[in-house]
Amino acid sequence: DYAAVMASMLRSQAIPTRLEVGYKGEEYHAWISTYIQD
């Protein structure tokens, strides 16, 4: 939920944002990364 909300907010401001899903150790996680010009 956190990742989806934050990605929505940043994409709506024309800031490319990836919602990423994967692992920290053996635990499943979701997070985001953001693209900044230059």
PDB file of all heavy atoms in Angstrom:
ATOM      1  N   ASP A   1       0.825  -1.209   0.000  1.00  0.00           N
ATOM      2  CA  ASP A   1       0.000   0.000   0.000  1.00  0.00           C
ATOM      3  C   ASP A   1       0.860   1.260   0.000  1.00  0.00           C
ATOM      4  O   ASP A   1       0.617   2.199  -0.762  1.00  0.00           O
ATOM      5  CB  ASP A   1      -0.921   0.014   1.221  1.00  0.00           C
ATOM      6  CG  ASP A   1      -1.880  -1.165   1.261  1.00  0.00           C
ATOM      7  OD1 ASP A   1      -2.370  -1.555   0.189  1.00  0.00           O
ATOM      8  OD2 ASP A   1      -2.142  -1.680   2.360  1.00  0.00           O
ATOM      9  N   TYR A   2       1.852   1.290   0.880  1.00  0.00           N
ATOM     10  CA  TYR A   2       2.756   2.442   0.949  1.00  0.00           C
ATOM     11  C   TYR A   2       3.387   2.705  -0.419  1.00  0.00           C
ATOM     12  O   TYR A   2       3.445   3.842  -0.889  1.00  0.00           O
ATOM     13  CB  TYR A   2       3.872   2.172   1.955  1.00  0.00           C
ATOM     14  CG  TYR A   2       3.520   2.387   3.397  1.00  0.00           C
ATOM     15  CD1 TYR A   2       2.664   1.530   4.066  1.00  0.00           C
ATOM     16  CD2 TYR A   2       4.077   3.440   4.107  1.00  0.00           C
ATOM     17  CE1 TYR A   2       2.357   1.701   5.403  1.00  0.00           C
ATOM     18  CE2 TYR A   2       3.789   3.633   5.457  1.00  0.00           C
ATOM     19  CZ  TYR A   2       2.928   2.758   6.095  1.00  0.00           C
ATOM     20  OH  TYR A   2       2.631   2.943   7.427  1.00  0.00           O
ATOM     21  N   ALA A   3       3.885   1.640  -1.019  1.00  0.00           N
ATOM     22  CA  ALA A   3       4.574   1.785  -2.298  1.00  0.00           C
ATOM     23  C   ALA A   3       3.633   2.273  -3.391  1.00  0.00           C
ATOM     24  O   ALA A   3       3.985   3.136  -4.199  1.00  0.00           O
ATOM     25  CB  ALA A   3       5.217   0.457  -2.702  1.00  0.00           C
ATOM     26  N   ALA A   4       2.412   1.731  -3.432  1.00  0.00           N
ATOM     27  CA  ALA A   4       1.447   2.127  -4.454  1.00  0.00           C
ATOM     28  C   ALA A   4       1.032   3.588  -4.293  1.00  0.00           C
ATOM     29  O   ALA A   4       0.916   4.323  -5.281  1.00  0.00           O
ATOM     30  CB  ALA A   4       0.218   1.218  -4.413  1.00  0.00           C
ATOM     31  N   VAL A   5       0.806   4.024  -3.048  1.00  0.00           N
ATOM     32  CA  VAL A   5       0.403   5.405  -2.800  1.00  0.00           C
ATOM     33  C   VAL A   5       1.536   6.360  -3.183  1.00  0.00           C
ATOM     34  O   VAL A   5       1.323   7.355  -3.881  1.00  0.00           O
ATOM     35  CB  VAL A   5       0.006   5.605  -1.321  1.00  0.00           C
ATOM     36  CG1 VAL A   5      -0.097   7.089  -0.987  1.00  0.00           C
ATOM     37  CG2 VAL A   5      -1.322   4.916  -1.044  1.00  0.00           C
ATOM     38  N   MET A   6       2.747   6.060  -2.751  1.00  0.00           N
ATOM     39  CA  MET A   6       3.857   6.957  -3.028  1.00  0.00           C
ATOM     40  C   MET A   6       4.187   6.996  -4.513  1.00  0.00           C
ATOM     41  O   MET A   6       4.482   8.044  -5.084  1.00  0.00           O
ATOM     42  CB  MET A   6       5.077   6.519  -2.234  1.00  0.00           C
ATOM     43  CG  MET A   6       5.718   7.668  -1.480  1.00  0.00           C
ATOM     44  SD  MET A   6       7.067   7.126  -0.442  1.00  0.00           S
ATOM     45  CE  MET A   6       8.125   8.537  -0.654  1.00  0.00           C
ATOM     46  N   ALA A   7       4.111   5.836  -5.174  1.00  0.00           N
ATOM     47  CA  ALA A   7       4.349   5.797  -6.611  1.00  0.00           C
ATOM     48  C   ALA A   7       3.297   6.619  -7.350  1.00  0.00           C
ATOM     49  O   ALA A   7       3.608   7.322  -8.318  1.00  0.00           O
ATOM     50  CB  ALA A   7       4.352   4.355  -7.112  1.00  0.00           C
ATOM     51  N   SER A   8       2.053   6.543  -6.903  1.00  0.00           N
ATOM     52  CA  SER A   8       0.988   7.332  -7.523  1.00  0.00           C
ATOM     53  C   SER A   8       1.261   8.825  -7.380  1.00  0.00           C
ATOM     54  O   SER A   8       1.102   9.601  -8.330  1.00  0.00           O
ATOM     55  CB  SER A   8      -0.363   6.995  -6.878  1.00  0.00           C
ATOM     56  OG  SER A   8      -0.709   5.642  -7.059  1.00  0.00           O
ATOM     57  N   MET A   9       1.668   9.239  -6.195  1.00  0.00           N
ATOM     58  CA  MET A   9       1.925  10.647  -5.935  1.00  0.00           C
ATOM     59  C   MET A   9       3.071  11.164  -6.807  1.00  0.00           C
ATOM     60  O   MET A   9       2.971  12.229  -7.431  1.00  0.00           O
ATOM     61  CB  MET A   9       2.242  10.853  -4.457  1.00  0.00           C
ATOM     62  CG  MET A   9       1.089  10.500  -3.529  1.00  0.00           C
ATOM     63  SD  MET A   9       1.495  10.590  -1.767  1.00  0.00           S
ATOM     64  CE  MET A   9       1.383  12.378  -1.505  1.00  0.00           C
ATOM     65  N   LEU A  10       4.147  10.407  -6.882  1.00  0.00           N
ATOM     66  CA  LEU A  10       5.319  10.867  -7.625  1.00  0.00           C
ATOM     67  C   LEU A  10       5.098  10.798  -9.137  1.00  0.00           C
ATOM     68  O   LEU A  10       5.487  11.708  -9.874  1.00  0.00           O
ATOM     69  CB  LEU A  10       6.541  10.059  -7.214  1.00  0.00           C
ATOM     70  CG  LEU A  10       6.961  10.262  -5.752  1.00  0.00           C
ATOM     71  CD1 LEU A  10       8.117   9.327  -5.388  1.00  0.00           C
ATOM     72  CD2 LEU A  10       7.351  11.713  -5.488  1.00  0.00           C
ATOM     73  N   ARG A  11       4.443   9.743  -9.616  1.00  0.00           N
ATOM     74  CA  ARG A  11       4.154   9.670 -11.052  1.00  0.00           C
ATOM     75  C   ARG A  11       3.254  10.821 -11.484  1.00  0.00           C
ATOM     76  O   ARG A  11       3.414  11.348 -12.588  1.00  0.00           O
ATOM     77  CB  ARG A  11       3.506   8.325 -11.393  1.00  0.00           C
ATOM     78  CG  ARG A  11       4.445   7.145 -11.308  1.00  0.00           C
ATOM     79  CD  ARG A  11       3.792   5.843 -11.768  1.00  0.00           C
ATOM     80  NE  ARG A  11       4.655   4.706 -11.499  1.00  0.00           N
ATOM     81  CZ  ARG A  11       4.407   3.452 -11.892  1.00  0.00           C
ATOM     82  NH1 ARG A  11       3.310   3.177 -12.582  1.00  0.00           N
ATOM     83  NH2 ARG A  11       5.247   2.481 -11.594  1.00  0.00           N
ATOM     84  N   SER A  12       2.331  11.198 -10.622  1.00  0.00           N
ATOM     85  CA  SER A  12       1.426  12.294 -10.983  1.00  0.00           C
ATOM     86  C   SER A  12       2.148  13.630 -11.049  1.00  0.00           C
ATOM     87  O   SER A  12       1.627  14.598 -11.592  1.00  0.00           O
ATOM     88  CB  SER A  12       0.261  12.376  -9.989  1.00  0.00           C
ATOM     89  OG  SER A  12       0.681  12.906  -8.737  1.00  0.00           O
ATOM     90  N   GLN A  13       3.357  13.683 -10.503  1.00  0.00           N
ATOM     91  CA  GLN A  13       4.198  14.869 -10.600  1.00  0.00           C
ATOM     92  C   GLN A  13       5.291  14.690 -11.650  1.00  0.00           C
ATOM     93  O   GLN A  13       6.308  15.385 -11.637  1.00  0.00           O
ATOM     94  CB  GLN A  13       4.813  15.183  -9.238  1.00  0.00           C
ATOM     95  CG  GLN A  13       3.855  15.837  -8.262  1.00  0.00           C
ATOM     96  CD  GLN A  13       3.472  17.244  -8.688  1.00  0.00           C
ATOM     97  OE1 GLN A  13       4.315  18.060  -9.029  1.00  0.00           O
ATOM     98  NE2 GLN A  13       2.163  17.529  -8.681  1.00  0.00           N
ATOM     99  N   ALA A  14       5.065  13.752 -12.572  1.00  0.00           N
ATOM    100  CA  ALA A  14       5.983  13.491 -13.695  1.00  0.00           C
ATOM    101  C   ALA A  14       7.356  13.033 -13.225  1.00  0.00           C
ATOM    102  O   ALA A  14       8.365  13.274 -13.893  1.00  0.00           O
ATOM    103  CB  ALA A  14       6.105  14.711 -14.595  1.00  0.00           C
ATOM    104  N   ILE A  15       7.404  12.340 -12.095  1.00  0.00           N
ATOM    105  CA  ILE A  15       8.654  11.765 -11.585  1.00  0.00           C
ATOM    106  C   ILE A  15       8.567  10.250 -11.777  1.00  0.00           C
ATOM    107  O   ILE A  15       7.779   9.583 -11.101  1.00  0.00           O
ATOM    108  CB  ILE A  15       8.864  12.106 -10.102  1.00  0.00           C
ATOM    109  CG1 ILE A  15       8.923  13.629  -9.913  1.00  0.00           C
ATOM    110  CG2 ILE A  15      10.133  11.460  -9.574  1.00  0.00           C
ATOM    111  CD1 ILE A  15       9.024  14.076  -8.470  1.00  0.00           C
ATOM    112  N   PRO A  16       9.335   9.690 -12.708  1.00  0.00           N
ATOM    113  CA  PRO A  16       9.267   8.243 -12.949  1.00  0.00           C
ATOM    114  C   PRO A  16       9.561   7.465 -11.667  1.00  0.00           C
ATOM    115  O   PRO A  16      10.557   7.715 -10.989  1.00  0.00           O
ATOM    116  CB  PRO A  16      10.359   8.007 -14.004  1.00  0.00           C
ATOM    117  CG  PRO A  16      10.524   9.337 -14.671  1.00  0.00           C
ATOM    118  CD  PRO A  16      10.306  10.350 -13.583  1.00  0.00           C
ATOM    119  N   THR A  17       8.678   6.520 -11.348  1.00  0.00           N
ATOM    120  CA  THR A  17       8.792   5.784 -10.094  1.00  0.00           C
ATOM    121  C   THR A  17       8.451   4.316 -10.336  1.00  0.00           C
ATOM    122  O   THR A  17       7.422   4.000 -10.931  1.00  0.00           O
ATOM    123  CB  THR A  17       7.842   6.364  -9.036  1.00  0.00           C
ATOM    124  OG1 THR A  17       8.121   7.760  -8.878  1.00  0.00           O
ATOM    125  CG2 THR A  17       8.028   5.669  -7.696  1.00  0.00           C
ATOM    126  N   ARG A  18       9.328   3.444  -9.876  1.00  0.00           N
ATOM    127  CA  ARG A  18       9.109   2.007 -10.014  1.00  0.00           C
ATOM    128  C   ARG A  18       8.589   1.435  -8.701  1.00  0.00           C
ATOM    129  O   ARG A  18       9.134   1.723  -7.639  1.00  0.00           O
ATOM    130  CB  ARG A  18      10.417   1.293 -10.370  1.00  0.00           C
ATOM    131  CG  ARG A  18      11.003   1.696 -11.689  1.00  0.00           C
ATOM    132  CD  ARG A  18      12.176   0.827 -12.105  1.00  0.00           C
ATOM    133  NE  ARG A  18      13.303   0.851 -11.193  1.00  0.00           N
ATOM    134  CZ  ARG A  18      14.578   0.748 -11.598  1.00  0.00           C
ATOM    135  NH1 ARG A  18      14.860   0.620 -12.887  1.00  0.00           N
ATOM    136  NH2 ARG A  18      15.554   0.765 -10.708  1.00  0.00           N
ATOM    137  N   LEU A  19       7.536   0.639  -8.778  1.00  0.00           N
ATOM    138  CA  LEU A  19       7.124  -0.169  -7.644  1.00  0.00           C
ATOM    139  C   LEU A  19       7.850  -1.500  -7.785  1.00  0.00           C
ATOM    140  O   LEU A  19       7.673  -2.209  -8.774  1.00  0.00           O
ATOM    141  CB  LEU A  19       5.610  -0.357  -7.618  1.00  0.00           C
ATOM    142  CG  LEU A  19       5.013  -1.001  -6.356  1.00  0.00           C
ATOM    143  CD1 LEU A  19       3.545  -0.632  -6.215  1.00  0.00           C
ATOM    144  CD2 LEU A  19       5.155  -2.520  -6.344  1.00  0.00           C
ATOM    145  N   GLU A  20       8.675  -1.835  -6.807  1.00  0.00           N
ATOM    146  CA  GLU A  20       9.503  -3.037  -6.886  1.00  0.00           C
ATOM    147  C   GLU A  20       9.064  -4.045  -5.832  1.00  0.00           C
ATOM    148  O   GLU A  20       8.718  -3.683  -4.710  1.00  0.00           O
ATOM    149  CB  GLU A  20      10.975  -2.675  -6.703  1.00  0.00           C
ATOM    150  CG  GLU A  20      11.425  -1.591  -7.677  1.00  0.00           C
ATOM    151  CD  GLU A  20      12.925  -1.478  -7.817  1.00  0.00           C
ATOM    152  OE1 GLU A  20      13.624  -2.476  -7.528  1.00  0.00           O
ATOM    153  OE2 GLU A  20      13.404  -0.409  -8.216  1.00  0.00           O
ATOM    154  N   VAL A  21       9.100  -5.299  -6.223  1.00  0.00           N
ATOM    155  CA  VAL A  21       8.743  -6.393  -5.323  1.00  0.00           C
ATOM    156  C   VAL A  21       9.871  -7.412  -5.348  1.00  0.00           C
ATOM    157  O   VAL A  21      10.378  -7.759  -6.406  1.00  0.00           O
ATOM    158  CB  VAL A  21       7.417  -7.055  -5.746  1.00  0.00           C
ATOM    159  CG1 VAL A  21       7.128  -8.286  -4.884  1.00  0.00           C
ATOM    160  CG2 VAL A  21       6.264  -6.060  -5.655  1.00  0.00           C
ATOM    161  N   GLY A  22      10.274  -7.852  -4.176  1.00  0.00           N
ATOM    162  CA  GLY A  22      11.367  -8.811  -4.107  1.00  0.00           C
ATOM    163  C   GLY A  22      11.594  -9.298  -2.697  1.00  0.00           C
ATOM    164  O   GLY A  22      10.652  -9.426  -1.914  1.00  0.00           O
ATOM    165  N   TYR A  23      12.861  -9.522  -2.360  1.00  0.00           N
ATOM    166  CA  TYR A  23      13.197 -10.122  -1.078  1.00  0.00           C
ATOM    167  C   TYR A  23      14.248  -9.322  -0.324  1.00  0.00           C
ATOM    168  O   TYR A  23      15.155  -8.736  -0.915  1.00  0.00           O
ATOM    169  CB  TYR A  23      13.741 -11.532  -1.275  1.00  0.00           C
ATOM    170  CG  TYR A  23      12.681 -12.526  -1.693  1.00  0.00           C
ATOM    171  CD1 TYR A  23      12.417 -12.759  -3.039  1.00  0.00           C
ATOM    172  CD2 TYR A  23      11.944 -13.227  -0.740  1.00  0.00           C
ATOM    173  CE1 TYR A  23      11.449 -13.672  -3.430  1.00  0.00           C
ATOM    174  CE2 TYR A  23      10.975 -14.144  -1.121  1.00  0.00           C
ATOM    175  CZ  TYR A  23      10.734 -14.360  -2.463  1.00  0.00           C
ATOM    176  OH  TYR A  23       9.775 -15.261  -2.849  1.00  0.00           O
ATOM    177  N   LYS A  24      14.089  -9.294   0.990  1.00  0.00           N
ATOM    178  CA  LYS A  24      15.167  -8.909   1.893  1.00  0.00           C
ATOM    179  C   LYS A  24      15.476 -10.160   2.693  1.00  0.00           C
ATOM    180  O   LYS A  24      14.719 -10.564   3.570  1.00  0.00           O
ATOM    181  CB  LYS A  24      14.750  -7.778   2.826  1.00  0.00           C
ATOM    182  CG  LYS A  24      15.867  -7.352   3.780  1.00  0.00           C
ATOM    183  CD  LYS A  24      15.428  -6.208   4.663  1.00  0.00           C
ATOM    184  CE  LYS A  24      14.576  -6.707   5.809  1.00  0.00           C
ATOM    185  NZ  LYS A  24      15.380  -7.436   6.820  1.00  0.00           N
ATOM    186  N   GLY A  25      16.579 -10.804   2.353  1.00  0.00           N
ATOM    187  CA  GLY A  25      16.827 -12.128   2.913  1.00  0.00           C
ATOM    188  C   GLY A  25      15.772 -13.082   2.399  1.00  0.00           C
ATOM    189  O   GLY A  25      15.581 -13.230   1.201  1.00  0.00           O
ATOM    190  N   GLU A  26      15.035 -13.705   3.307  1.00  0.00           N
ATOM    191  CA  GLU A  26      13.979 -14.640   2.913  1.00  0.00           C
ATOM    192  C   GLU A  26      12.602 -14.010   3.003  1.00  0.00           C
ATOM    193  O   GLU A  26      11.594 -14.680   2.785  1.00  0.00           O
ATOM    194  CB  GLU A  26      14.037 -15.887   3.812  1.00  0.00           C
ATOM    195  CG  GLU A  26      15.330 -16.680   3.656  1.00  0.00           C
ATOM    196  CD  GLU A  26      15.349 -17.908   4.548  1.00  0.00           C
ATOM    197  OE1 GLU A  26      14.423 -18.046   5.363  1.00  0.00           O
ATOM    198  OE2 GLU A  26      16.290 -18.714   4.410  1.00  0.00           O
ATOM    199  N   GLU A  27      12.528 -12.712   3.320  1.00  0.00           N
ATOM    200  CA  GLU A  27      11.246 -12.052   3.524  1.00  0.00           C
ATOM    201  C   GLU A  27      10.834 -11.285   2.270  1.00  0.00           C
ATOM    202  O   GLU A  27      11.648 -10.651   1.614  1.00  0.00           O
ATOM    203  CB  GLU A  27      11.335 -11.104   4.723  1.00  0.00           C
ATOM    204  CG  GLU A  27      11.662 -11.831   6.021  1.00  0.00           C
ATOM    205  CD  GLU A  27      11.908 -10.869   7.162  1.00  0.00           C
ATOM    206  OE1 GLU A  27      12.274  -9.700   6.886  1.00  0.00           O
ATOM    207  OE2 GLU A  27      11.737 -11.279   8.313  1.00  0.00           O
ATOM    208  N   TYR A  28       9.550 -11.333   1.982  1.00  0.00           N
ATOM    209  CA  TYR A  28       8.994 -10.698   0.788  1.00  0.00           C
ATOM    210  C   TYR A  28       8.692  -9.236   1.095  1.00  0.00           C
ATOM    211  O   TYR A  28       8.104  -8.918   2.128  1.00  0.00           O
ATOM    212  CB  TYR A  28       7.722 -11.439   0.395  1.00  0.00           C
ATOM    213  CG  TYR A  28       7.412 -11.422  -1.083  1.00  0.00           C
ATOM    214  CD1 TYR A  28       8.414 -11.499  -2.044  1.00  0.00           C
ATOM    215  CD2 TYR A  28       6.091 -11.353  -1.528  1.00  0.00           C
ATOM    216  CE1 TYR A  28       8.114 -11.511  -3.399  1.00  0.00           C
ATOM    217  CE2 TYR A  28       5.777 -11.370  -2.869  1.00  0.00           C
ATOM    218  CZ  TYR A  28       6.802 -11.448  -3.796  1.00  0.00           C
ATOM    219  OH  TYR A  28       6.499 -11.452  -5.141  1.00  0.00           O
ATOM    220  N   HIS A  29       9.053  -8.338   0.179  1.00  0.00           N
ATOM    221  CA  HIS A  29       8.904  -6.907   0.408  1.00  0.00           C
ATOM    222  C   HIS A  29       8.394  -6.180  -0.826  1.00  0.00           C
ATOM    223  O   HIS A  29       8.465  -6.699  -1.938  1.00  0.00           O
ATOM    224  CB  HIS A  29      10.258  -6.274   0.764  1.00  0.00           C
ATOM    225  CG  HIS A  29      10.818  -6.711   2.060  1.00  0.00           C
ATOM    226  ND1 HIS A  29      10.691  -5.984   3.221  1.00  0.00           N
ATOM    227  CD2 HIS A  29      11.526  -7.814   2.395  1.00  0.00           C
ATOM    228  CE1 HIS A  29      11.303  -6.616   4.200  1.00  0.00           C
ATOM    229  NE2 HIS A  29      11.809  -7.730   3.729  1.00  0.00           N
ATOM    230  N   ALA A  30       7.929  -4.956  -0.616  1.00  0.00           N
ATOM    231  CA  ALA A  30       7.621  -4.038  -1.718  1.00  0.00           C
ATOM    232  C   ALA A  30       8.205  -2.680  -1.363  1.00  0.00           C
ATOM    233  O   ALA A  30       8.185  -2.270  -0.210  1.00  0.00           O
ATOM    234  CB  ALA A  30       6.112  -3.928  -1.936  1.00  0.00           C
ATOM    235  N   TRP A  31       8.744  -1.989  -2.358  1.00  0.00           N
ATOM    236  CA  TRP A  31       9.319  -0.665  -2.131  1.00  0.00           C
ATOM    237  C   TRP A  31       9.289   0.102  -3.447  1.00  0.00           C
ATOM    238  O   TRP A  31       8.748  -0.399  -4.439  1.00  0.00           O
ATOM    239  CB  TRP A  31      10.751  -0.773  -1.584  1.00  0.00           C
ATOM    240  CG  TRP A  31      11.739  -1.428  -2.490  1.00  0.00           C
ATOM    241  CD1 TRP A  31      12.577  -0.822  -3.387  1.00  0.00           C
ATOM    242  CD2 TRP A  31      12.011  -2.833  -2.585  1.00  0.00           C
ATOM    243  NE1 TRP A  31      13.357  -1.749  -4.032  1.00  0.00           N
ATOM    244  CE2 TRP A  31      13.035  -2.996  -3.555  1.00  0.00           C
ATOM    245  CE3 TRP A  31      11.498  -3.967  -1.946  1.00  0.00           C
ATOM    246  CZ2 TRP A  31      13.547  -4.243  -3.907  1.00  0.00           C
ATOM    247  CZ3 TRP A  31      12.007  -5.209  -2.300  1.00  0.00           C
ATOM    248  CH2 TRP A  31      13.021  -5.333  -3.260  1.00  0.00           C
ATOM    249  N   ILE A  32       9.820   1.297  -3.481  1.00  0.00           N
ATOM    250  CA  ILE A  32       9.887   2.028  -4.734  1.00  0.00           C
ATOM    251  C   ILE A  32      11.278   2.590  -4.951  1.00  0.00           C
ATOM    252  O   ILE A  32      12.059   2.763  -4.014  1.00  0.00           O
ATOM    253  CB  ILE A  32       8.853   3.175  -4.800  1.00  0.00           C
ATOM    254  CG1 ILE A  32       9.205   4.287  -3.828  1.00  0.00           C
ATOM    255  CG2 ILE A  32       7.450   2.680  -4.586  1.00  0.00           C
ATOM    256  CD1 ILE A  32       8.311   5.507  -3.963  1.00  0.00           C
ATOM    257  N   SER A  33      11.605   2.836  -6.192  1.00  0.00           N
ATOM    258  CA  SER A  33      12.798   3.585  -6.555  1.00  0.00           C
ATOM    259  C   SER A  33      12.365   4.693  -7.505  1.00  0.00           C
ATOM    260  O   SER A  33      11.331   4.589  -8.163  1.00  0.00           O
ATOM    261  CB  SER A  33      13.854   2.684  -7.203  1.00  0.00           C
ATOM    262  OG  SER A  33      13.341   2.033  -8.345  1.00  0.00           O
ATOM    263  N   THR A  34      13.160   5.742  -7.571  1.00  0.00           N
ATOM    264  CA  THR A  34      12.749   6.954  -8.269  1.00  0.00           C
ATOM    265  C   THR A  34      13.849   7.432  -9.216  1.00  0.00           C
ATOM    266  O   THR A  34      15.036   7.338  -8.897  1.00  0.00           O
ATOM    267  CB  THR A  34      12.420   8.061  -7.255  1.00  0.00           C
ATOM    268  OG1 THR A  34      11.416   7.592  -6.360  1.00  0.00           O
ATOM    269  CG2 THR A  34      11.904   9.301  -7.950  1.00  0.00           C
ATOM    270  N   TYR A  35      13.428   7.938 -10.358  1.00  0.00           N
ATOM    271  CA  TYR A  35      14.385   8.443 -11.350  1.00  0.00           C
ATOM    272  C   TYR A  35      14.460   9.971 -11.262  1.00  0.00           C
ATOM    273  O   TYR A  35      13.441  10.663 -11.348  1.00  0.00           O
ATOM    274  CB  TYR A  35      13.951   8.050 -12.763  1.00  0.00           C
ATOM    275  CG  TYR A  35      14.954   8.422 -13.827  1.00  0.00           C
ATOM    276  CD1 TYR A  35      15.970   7.540 -14.190  1.00  0.00           C
ATOM    277  CD2 TYR A  35      14.890   9.656 -14.465  1.00  0.00           C
ATOM    278  CE1 TYR A  35      16.897   7.880 -15.166  1.00  0.00           C
ATOM    279  CE2 TYR A  35      15.812  10.009 -15.444  1.00  0.00           C
ATOM    280  CZ  TYR A  35      16.809   9.113 -15.783  1.00  0.00           C
ATOM    281  OH  TYR A  35      17.727   9.455 -16.748  1.00  0.00           O
ATOM    282  N   ILE A  36      15.666  10.485 -11.091  1.00  0.00           N
ATOM    283  CA  ILE A  36      15.905  11.917 -11.028  1.00  0.00           C
ATOM    284  C   ILE A  36      16.804  12.319 -12.195  1.00  0.00           C
ATOM    285  O   ILE A  36      17.862  11.717 -12.404  1.00  0.00           O
ATOM    286  CB  ILE A  36      16.563  12.323  -9.698  1.00  0.00           C
ATOM    287  CG1 ILE A  36      15.685  11.901  -8.517  1.00  0.00           C
ATOM    288  CG2 ILE A  36      16.821  13.834  -9.660  1.00  0.00           C
ATOM    289  CD1 ILE A  36      14.327  12.556  -8.476  1.00  0.00           C
ATOM    290  N   GLN A  37      16.378  13.313 -12.947  1.00  0.00           N
ATOM    291  CA  GLN A  37      17.137  13.784 -14.102  1.00  0.00           C
ATOM    292  C   GLN A  37      18.568  14.128 -13.698  1.00  0.00           C
ATOM    293  O   GLN A  37      18.807  14.744 -12.666  1.00  0.00           O
ATOM    294  CB  GLN A  37      16.456  15.021 -14.697  1.00  0.00           C
ATOM    295  CG  GLN A  37      17.024  15.467 -16.029  1.00  0.00           C
ATOM    296  CD  GLN A  37      16.691  14.482 -17.142  1.00  0.00           C
ATOM    297  OE1 GLN A  37      15.636  13.851 -17.123  1.00  0.00           O
ATOM    298  NE2 GLN A  37      17.571  14.358 -18.123  1.00  0.00           N
ATOM    299  N   ASP A  38      19.524  13.700 -14.522  1.00  0.00           N
ATOM    300  CA  ASP A  38      20.961  13.936 -14.324  1.00  0.00           C
ATOM    301  C   ASP A  38      21.562  13.124 -13.187  1.00  0.00           C
ATOM    302  O   ASP A  38      22.763  13.212 -12.934  1.00  0.00           O
ATOM    303  CB  ASP A  38      21.267  15.427 -14.079  1.00  0.00           C
ATOM    304  CG  ASP A  38      20.888  16.316 -15.258  1.00  0.00           C
ATOM    305  OD1 ASP A  38      21.011  15.840 -16.408  1.00  0.00           O
ATOM    306  OD2 ASP A  38      20.457  17.453 -15.022  1.00  0.00           O
TER     307      ASP A  38
END
